[in-house]
C-alpha cells in the first residue's frame, strides 16, 4: 500500500520538475529527479506506444528547454488495496491544452524524495481534451 499524501506529493513534484525542465528553468543537475523511475519502469502513452525507462529518460533529456509546458494535476486518488493511483494531467503548451487520465503503479523507495518509485504508467486521453 502507498499513502495517498505521498502519492500525490510525488505526482505533483515530478510534474513540477517536468515544467521546469521543458522550459529550461531547471538546472541540468536536476535531471537526477528521474531516479524515481524504476529500472523496470514502463510507460504506455495515450497513443498506445510503450517506452521503457531508458527511452523515457532519453526523450525527457532531449526536450530540455524546448518549450514551456504548464502542468496542472487534478483529481488525484489512490486505491486503498494496493500500490495504484490515478490522476488527471492537464498540459498547456503554445496555447493548446490537452488532458489525460493517468494510472500509476508505485513501489516504496525510502531514498526517493517522497518515499516512492514509479514502476508503471498508463495514460489515456480524456474526451474532448486530446490533440
N, C-alpha and C. Protein backbone atom coordinates (compact mmCIF):
# COMPACT_ATOMS: atom_id res chain seq x y z
N UNK A 1 0.83 -1.20 0.00
CA UNK A 1 0.00 0.00 0.00
C UNK A 1 0.87 1.25 0.00
N UNK A 2 0.33 2.29 -0.55
CA UNK A 2 1.03 3.57 -0.53
C UNK A 2 0.12 4.61 0.11
N UNK A 3 0.73 5.55 0.76
CA UNK A 3 -0.02 6.62 1.41
C UNK A 3 -0.51 7.62 0.36
N UNK A 4 -1.78 7.98 0.39
CA UNK A 4 -2.29 8.95 -0.58
C UNK A 4 -1.51 10.26 -0.61
N UNK A 5 -1.11 10.77 0.56
CA UNK A 5 -0.38 12.04 0.58
C UNK A 5 0.97 11.91 -0.10
N UNK A 6 1.65 10.78 0.08
CA UNK A 6 2.94 10.56 -0.57
C UNK A 6 2.77 10.41 -2.08
N UNK A 7 1.74 9.69 -2.50
CA UNK A 7 1.46 9.52 -3.93
C UNK A 7 1.21 10.88 -4.58
N UNK A 8 0.34 11.67 -3.97
CA UNK A 8 0.02 12.98 -4.54
C UNK A 8 1.25 13.88 -4.56
N UNK A 9 2.03 13.88 -3.49
CA UNK A 9 3.25 14.71 -3.45
C UNK A 9 4.22 14.29 -4.55
N UNK A 10 4.33 12.99 -4.80
CA UNK A 10 5.24 12.51 -5.84
C UNK A 10 4.74 12.92 -7.22
N UNK A 11 3.46 12.74 -7.48
CA UNK A 11 2.90 13.13 -8.78
C UNK A 11 3.11 14.62 -9.02
N UNK A 12 2.76 15.42 -8.05
CA UNK A 12 2.90 16.87 -8.21
C UNK A 12 4.37 17.29 -8.31
N UNK A 13 5.23 16.66 -7.51
CA UNK A 13 6.64 17.01 -7.53
C UNK A 13 7.31 16.66 -8.85
N UNK A 14 7.00 15.49 -9.40
CA UNK A 14 7.61 15.11 -10.66
C UNK A 14 7.13 16.01 -11.80
N UNK A 15 5.85 16.35 -11.79
CA UNK A 15 5.34 17.22 -12.85
C UNK A 15 5.83 18.66 -12.71
N UNK A 16 6.10 19.10 -11.50
CA UNK A 16 6.73 20.42 -11.32
C UNK A 16 8.13 20.41 -11.93
N UNK A 17 8.85 19.31 -11.72
CA UNK A 17 10.16 19.16 -12.36
C UNK A 17 10.02 19.22 -13.88
N UNK A 18 9.04 18.48 -14.44
CA UNK A 18 8.84 18.50 -15.89
C UNK A 18 8.63 19.92 -16.40
N UNK A 19 7.80 20.68 -15.71
CA UNK A 19 7.55 22.06 -16.11
C UNK A 19 8.83 22.88 -16.15
N UNK A 20 9.66 22.75 -15.13
CA UNK A 20 10.94 23.47 -15.09
C UNK A 20 11.89 22.96 -16.17
N UNK A 21 11.92 21.65 -16.37
CA UNK A 21 12.84 21.06 -17.34
C UNK A 21 12.50 21.50 -18.76
N UNK A 22 11.24 21.35 -19.14
CA UNK A 22 10.83 21.67 -20.51
C UNK A 22 10.98 23.15 -20.83
N UNK A 23 10.89 24.00 -19.81
CA UNK A 23 11.05 25.44 -20.05
C UNK A 23 12.52 25.87 -20.00
N UNK A 24 13.38 25.00 -19.51
CA UNK A 24 14.80 25.33 -19.39
C UNK A 24 15.14 26.01 -18.07
N UNK A 25 14.19 26.08 -17.14
CA UNK A 25 14.42 26.72 -15.86
C UNK A 25 15.14 25.80 -14.87
N UNK A 26 15.12 24.51 -15.11
CA UNK A 26 15.79 23.56 -14.20
C UNK A 26 17.28 23.53 -14.49
N UNK A 27 18.05 23.35 -13.45
CA UNK A 27 19.49 23.13 -13.64
C UNK A 27 19.66 21.74 -14.23
N UNK A 28 20.61 21.55 -15.14
CA UNK A 28 20.84 20.21 -15.70
C UNK A 28 21.04 19.14 -14.63
N UNK A 29 21.58 19.52 -13.49
CA UNK A 29 21.78 18.54 -12.40
C UNK A 29 20.46 18.01 -11.84
N UNK A 30 19.38 18.75 -12.07
CA UNK A 30 18.07 18.30 -11.58
C UNK A 30 17.55 17.09 -12.33
N UNK A 31 18.21 16.71 -13.42
CA UNK A 31 17.78 15.52 -14.17
C UNK A 31 17.75 14.29 -13.28
N UNK A 32 18.53 14.31 -12.21
CA UNK A 32 18.54 13.17 -11.28
C UNK A 32 17.17 12.97 -10.63
N UNK A 33 16.25 13.92 -10.79
CA UNK A 33 14.89 13.75 -10.26
C UNK A 33 14.25 12.50 -10.87
N UNK A 34 14.72 12.12 -12.07
CA UNK A 34 14.16 10.94 -12.74
C UNK A 34 14.66 9.63 -12.14
N UNK A 35 15.48 9.71 -11.09
CA UNK A 35 15.88 8.50 -10.38
C UNK A 35 14.67 7.81 -9.75
N UNK A 36 13.53 8.51 -9.69
CA UNK A 36 12.31 7.90 -9.14
C UNK A 36 11.70 6.88 -10.10
N UNK A 37 12.21 6.79 -11.33
CA UNK A 37 11.72 5.79 -12.27
C UNK A 37 12.49 4.49 -12.05
N UNK A 38 11.77 3.41 -11.77
CA UNK A 38 12.40 2.11 -11.55
C UNK A 38 13.12 1.66 -12.81
N UNK A 39 14.13 0.85 -12.65
CA UNK A 39 14.85 0.32 -13.80
C UNK A 39 13.94 -0.51 -14.70
N UNK A 40 12.85 -1.02 -14.15
CA UNK A 40 11.88 -1.80 -14.93
C UNK A 40 10.68 -0.96 -15.36
N UNK A 41 10.75 0.35 -15.16
CA UNK A 41 9.64 1.26 -15.48
C UNK A 41 9.19 1.09 -16.93
N UNK A 42 7.87 1.11 -17.10
CA UNK A 42 7.27 1.07 -18.43
C UNK A 42 6.17 2.11 -18.49
N UNK A 43 6.17 2.89 -19.56
CA UNK A 43 5.12 3.88 -19.77
C UNK A 43 4.36 3.52 -21.04
N UNK A 44 3.04 3.56 -20.94
CA UNK A 44 2.17 3.43 -22.11
C UNK A 44 1.53 4.79 -22.31
N UNK A 45 1.88 5.44 -23.39
CA UNK A 45 1.36 6.78 -23.67
C UNK A 45 -0.08 6.74 -24.13
N UNK A 46 -0.71 7.90 -24.19
CA UNK A 46 -2.12 7.95 -24.59
C UNK A 46 -2.35 7.52 -26.04
N UNK A 47 -1.27 7.46 -26.82
CA UNK A 47 -1.38 6.98 -28.20
C UNK A 47 -1.16 5.48 -28.31
N UNK A 48 -0.92 4.81 -27.16
CA UNK A 48 -0.72 3.37 -27.14
C UNK A 48 0.72 2.93 -27.29
N UNK A 49 1.63 3.86 -27.51
CA UNK A 49 3.04 3.50 -27.65
C UNK A 49 3.65 3.26 -26.28
N UNK A 50 4.58 2.30 -26.24
CA UNK A 50 5.25 1.99 -24.98
C UNK A 50 6.67 2.53 -25.01
N UNK A 51 7.19 2.82 -23.82
CA UNK A 51 8.57 3.28 -23.68
C UNK A 51 9.11 2.74 -22.36
N UNK A 52 10.33 2.22 -22.41
CA UNK A 52 10.96 1.76 -21.17
C UNK A 52 11.69 2.92 -20.51
N UNK A 53 12.30 2.65 -19.39
CA UNK A 53 12.91 3.73 -18.61
C UNK A 53 14.02 4.44 -19.38
N UNK A 54 14.80 3.72 -20.15
CA UNK A 54 15.89 4.34 -20.92
C UNK A 54 15.30 5.27 -21.98
N UNK A 55 14.28 4.82 -22.67
CA UNK A 55 13.64 5.64 -23.70
C UNK A 55 12.99 6.87 -23.11
N UNK A 56 12.33 6.73 -21.98
CA UNK A 56 11.68 7.87 -21.34
C UNK A 56 12.73 8.90 -20.90
N UNK A 57 13.79 8.44 -20.27
CA UNK A 57 14.84 9.36 -19.84
C UNK A 57 15.48 10.08 -21.03
N UNK A 58 15.73 9.37 -22.11
CA UNK A 58 16.33 9.99 -23.30
C UNK A 58 15.40 11.03 -23.89
N UNK A 59 14.09 10.71 -23.96
CA UNK A 59 13.12 11.66 -24.50
C UNK A 59 13.07 12.93 -23.67
N UNK A 60 13.06 12.78 -22.35
CA UNK A 60 12.99 13.94 -21.47
C UNK A 60 14.29 14.75 -21.54
N UNK A 61 15.43 14.07 -21.52
CA UNK A 61 16.71 14.77 -21.60
C UNK A 61 16.78 15.62 -22.88
N UNK A 62 16.34 15.04 -23.99
CA UNK A 62 16.40 15.73 -25.29
C UNK A 62 15.42 16.90 -25.37
N UNK A 63 14.46 16.98 -24.47
CA UNK A 63 13.45 18.03 -24.50
C UNK A 63 13.78 19.22 -23.62
N UNK A 64 14.99 19.25 -23.06
CA UNK A 64 15.37 20.33 -22.15
C UNK A 64 15.24 21.69 -22.85
N UNK A 65 14.43 22.57 -22.25
CA UNK A 65 14.30 23.94 -22.72
C UNK A 65 13.63 24.11 -24.07
N UNK A 66 13.01 23.08 -24.61
CA UNK A 66 12.41 23.19 -25.95
C UNK A 66 11.12 24.00 -25.99
N UNK A 67 10.30 23.88 -24.95
CA UNK A 67 9.05 24.64 -24.93
C UNK A 67 8.46 24.61 -23.54
N UNK A 68 8.00 25.75 -23.09
CA UNK A 68 7.33 25.76 -21.78
C UNK A 68 6.02 24.98 -21.84
N UNK A 69 5.79 24.18 -20.83
CA UNK A 69 4.54 23.45 -20.68
C UNK A 69 4.05 23.70 -19.26
N UNK A 70 2.80 24.11 -19.17
CA UNK A 70 2.17 24.30 -17.86
C UNK A 70 1.44 23.01 -17.52
N UNK A 71 1.83 22.36 -16.41
CA UNK A 71 1.19 21.13 -15.97
C UNK A 71 0.23 21.44 -14.83
N UNK A 72 -0.98 20.93 -14.93
CA UNK A 72 -1.95 21.02 -13.84
C UNK A 72 -2.40 19.59 -13.52
N UNK A 73 -2.31 19.24 -12.25
CA UNK A 73 -2.70 17.90 -11.80
C UNK A 73 -4.02 18.02 -11.05
N UNK A 74 -4.98 17.17 -11.42
CA UNK A 74 -6.32 17.21 -10.80
C UNK A 74 -6.75 15.80 -10.41
N UNK A 75 -7.70 15.75 -9.48
CA UNK A 75 -8.41 14.51 -9.14
C UNK A 75 -7.48 13.34 -8.84
N UNK A 76 -6.55 13.55 -7.92
CA UNK A 76 -5.61 12.51 -7.53
C UNK A 76 -6.32 11.55 -6.57
N UNK A 77 -6.18 10.25 -6.81
CA UNK A 77 -6.74 9.26 -5.89
C UNK A 77 -5.86 8.02 -5.87
N UNK A 78 -5.91 7.30 -4.76
CA UNK A 78 -5.13 6.09 -4.58
C UNK A 78 -6.07 4.98 -4.16
N UNK A 79 -5.90 3.80 -4.78
CA UNK A 79 -6.72 2.65 -4.38
C UNK A 79 -6.33 2.24 -2.96
N UNK A 80 -7.31 1.95 -2.11
CA UNK A 80 -6.99 1.59 -0.73
C UNK A 80 -6.37 0.20 -0.60
N UNK A 81 -6.44 -0.62 -1.65
CA UNK A 81 -5.98 -2.00 -1.53
C UNK A 81 -4.70 -2.30 -2.31
N UNK A 82 -3.97 -1.26 -2.71
CA UNK A 82 -2.77 -1.57 -3.46
C UNK A 82 -1.95 -0.35 -3.81
N UNK A 83 -0.92 -0.58 -4.63
CA UNK A 83 0.02 0.49 -4.96
C UNK A 83 -0.35 1.26 -6.23
N UNK A 84 -1.63 1.44 -6.47
CA UNK A 84 -2.10 2.06 -7.72
C UNK A 84 -2.86 3.34 -7.42
N UNK A 85 -2.58 4.36 -8.22
CA UNK A 85 -3.32 5.61 -8.09
C UNK A 85 -3.60 6.19 -9.47
N UNK A 86 -4.52 7.14 -9.51
CA UNK A 86 -4.85 7.81 -10.75
C UNK A 86 -4.83 9.31 -10.55
N UNK A 87 -4.67 10.02 -11.65
CA UNK A 87 -4.73 11.48 -11.62
C UNK A 87 -4.97 11.97 -13.03
N UNK A 88 -5.52 13.18 -13.14
CA UNK A 88 -5.66 13.84 -14.43
C UNK A 88 -4.46 14.76 -14.60
N UNK A 89 -3.86 14.70 -15.79
CA UNK A 89 -2.73 15.56 -16.12
C UNK A 89 -3.15 16.47 -17.26
N UNK A 90 -3.24 17.76 -16.97
CA UNK A 90 -3.60 18.76 -17.97
C UNK A 90 -2.34 19.50 -18.38
N UNK A 91 -2.09 19.59 -19.66
CA UNK A 91 -0.91 20.27 -20.17
C UNK A 91 -1.33 21.40 -21.10
N UNK A 92 -0.72 22.56 -20.92
CA UNK A 92 -0.94 23.67 -21.84
C UNK A 92 0.42 24.10 -22.39
N UNK A 93 0.53 24.07 -23.72
CA UNK A 93 1.75 24.47 -24.40
C UNK A 93 1.35 25.22 -25.67
N UNK A 94 1.95 26.35 -25.88
CA UNK A 94 1.68 27.17 -27.06
C UNK A 94 0.18 27.44 -27.23
N UNK A 95 -0.51 27.65 -26.12
CA UNK A 95 -1.93 27.98 -26.14
C UNK A 95 -2.87 26.81 -26.37
N UNK A 96 -2.35 25.60 -26.46
CA UNK A 96 -3.17 24.40 -26.67
C UNK A 96 -3.17 23.57 -25.40
N UNK A 97 -4.36 23.19 -24.93
CA UNK A 97 -4.48 22.38 -23.72
C UNK A 97 -4.94 20.97 -24.09
N UNK A 98 -4.24 19.99 -23.54
CA UNK A 98 -4.64 18.59 -23.66
C UNK A 98 -4.74 18.00 -22.27
N UNK A 99 -5.44 16.88 -22.15
CA UNK A 99 -5.58 16.25 -20.84
C UNK A 99 -5.61 14.74 -21.00
N UNK A 100 -5.05 14.11 -20.00
CA UNK A 100 -5.03 12.65 -19.99
C UNK A 100 -5.33 12.15 -18.59
N UNK A 101 -5.90 10.97 -18.52
CA UNK A 101 -6.09 10.27 -17.26
C UNK A 101 -4.92 9.30 -17.13
N UNK A 102 -4.20 9.41 -16.04
CA UNK A 102 -3.02 8.58 -15.83
C UNK A 102 -3.24 7.63 -14.67
N UNK A 103 -2.82 6.39 -14.88
CA UNK A 103 -2.83 5.37 -13.84
C UNK A 103 -1.38 5.01 -13.57
N UNK A 104 -0.97 5.15 -12.32
CA UNK A 104 0.42 4.90 -11.96
C UNK A 104 0.51 3.81 -10.89
N UNK A 105 1.51 2.95 -11.07
CA UNK A 105 1.85 1.95 -10.06
C UNK A 105 3.17 2.40 -9.46
N UNK A 106 3.20 2.50 -8.14
CA UNK A 106 4.41 2.92 -7.45
C UNK A 106 4.77 1.90 -6.38
N UNK A 107 6.05 1.89 -6.04
CA UNK A 107 6.56 0.99 -5.01
C UNK A 107 7.30 1.81 -3.97
N UNK A 108 7.37 1.32 -2.74
CA UNK A 108 8.13 2.03 -1.72
C UNK A 108 9.61 2.15 -2.13
N UNK A 109 10.17 3.32 -1.89
CA UNK A 109 11.58 3.59 -2.17
C UNK A 109 12.04 4.66 -1.19
N UNK A 110 12.45 4.27 0.00
CA UNK A 110 12.77 5.22 1.06
C UNK A 110 13.77 6.30 0.70
N UNK A 111 14.65 6.05 -0.26
CA UNK A 111 15.68 7.04 -0.60
C UNK A 111 15.19 8.09 -1.58
N UNK A 112 13.99 7.93 -2.10
CA UNK A 112 13.45 8.89 -3.06
C UNK A 112 12.74 10.03 -2.33
N UNK A 113 12.56 11.18 -3.01
CA UNK A 113 12.02 12.38 -2.34
C UNK A 113 10.71 12.16 -1.57
N UNK A 114 9.79 11.39 -2.12
CA UNK A 114 8.52 11.16 -1.44
C UNK A 114 8.35 9.72 -1.00
N UNK A 115 9.47 8.99 -0.97
CA UNK A 115 9.46 7.60 -0.50
C UNK A 115 8.85 6.62 -1.48
N UNK A 116 8.72 7.03 -2.75
CA UNK A 116 8.09 6.18 -3.76
C UNK A 116 8.91 6.14 -5.03
N UNK A 117 8.71 5.07 -5.78
CA UNK A 117 9.36 4.87 -7.06
C UNK A 117 8.28 4.49 -8.08
N UNK A 118 8.35 5.08 -9.27
CA UNK A 118 7.41 4.79 -10.35
C UNK A 118 7.78 3.47 -11.00
N UNK A 119 6.81 2.56 -11.10
CA UNK A 119 7.04 1.26 -11.70
C UNK A 119 6.35 1.16 -13.07
N UNK A 120 5.16 1.74 -13.17
CA UNK A 120 4.37 1.62 -14.40
C UNK A 120 3.47 2.85 -14.51
N UNK A 121 3.29 3.32 -15.74
CA UNK A 121 2.41 4.46 -16.00
C UNK A 121 1.63 4.20 -17.28
N UNK A 122 0.32 4.36 -17.21
CA UNK A 122 -0.54 4.19 -18.38
C UNK A 122 -1.42 5.43 -18.50
N UNK A 123 -1.31 6.10 -19.65
CA UNK A 123 -2.05 7.34 -19.88
C UNK A 123 -3.11 7.12 -20.96
N UNK A 124 -4.26 7.77 -20.78
CA UNK A 124 -5.36 7.70 -21.74
C UNK A 124 -5.89 9.12 -21.96
N UNK A 125 -6.11 9.49 -23.22
CA UNK A 125 -6.67 10.82 -23.48
C UNK A 125 -8.03 10.96 -22.83
N UNK A 126 -8.28 12.12 -22.26
CA UNK A 126 -9.62 12.43 -21.77
C UNK A 126 -10.46 12.92 -22.96
N UNK A 127 -11.74 12.58 -22.97
CA UNK A 127 -12.59 13.02 -24.08
C UNK A 127 -12.55 14.54 -24.24
N UNK A 128 -12.54 14.97 -25.47
CA UNK A 128 -12.56 16.40 -25.81
C UNK A 128 -11.33 17.17 -25.33
N UNK A 129 -10.27 16.47 -24.96
CA UNK A 129 -9.05 17.17 -24.49
C UNK A 129 -7.82 16.48 -25.06
N UNK A 130 -7.90 16.06 -26.29
CA UNK A 130 -6.77 15.42 -26.94
C UNK A 130 -6.31 16.25 -28.11
N UNK A 131 -5.08 16.05 -28.54
CA UNK A 131 -4.56 16.88 -29.65
C UNK A 131 -5.26 16.61 -30.98
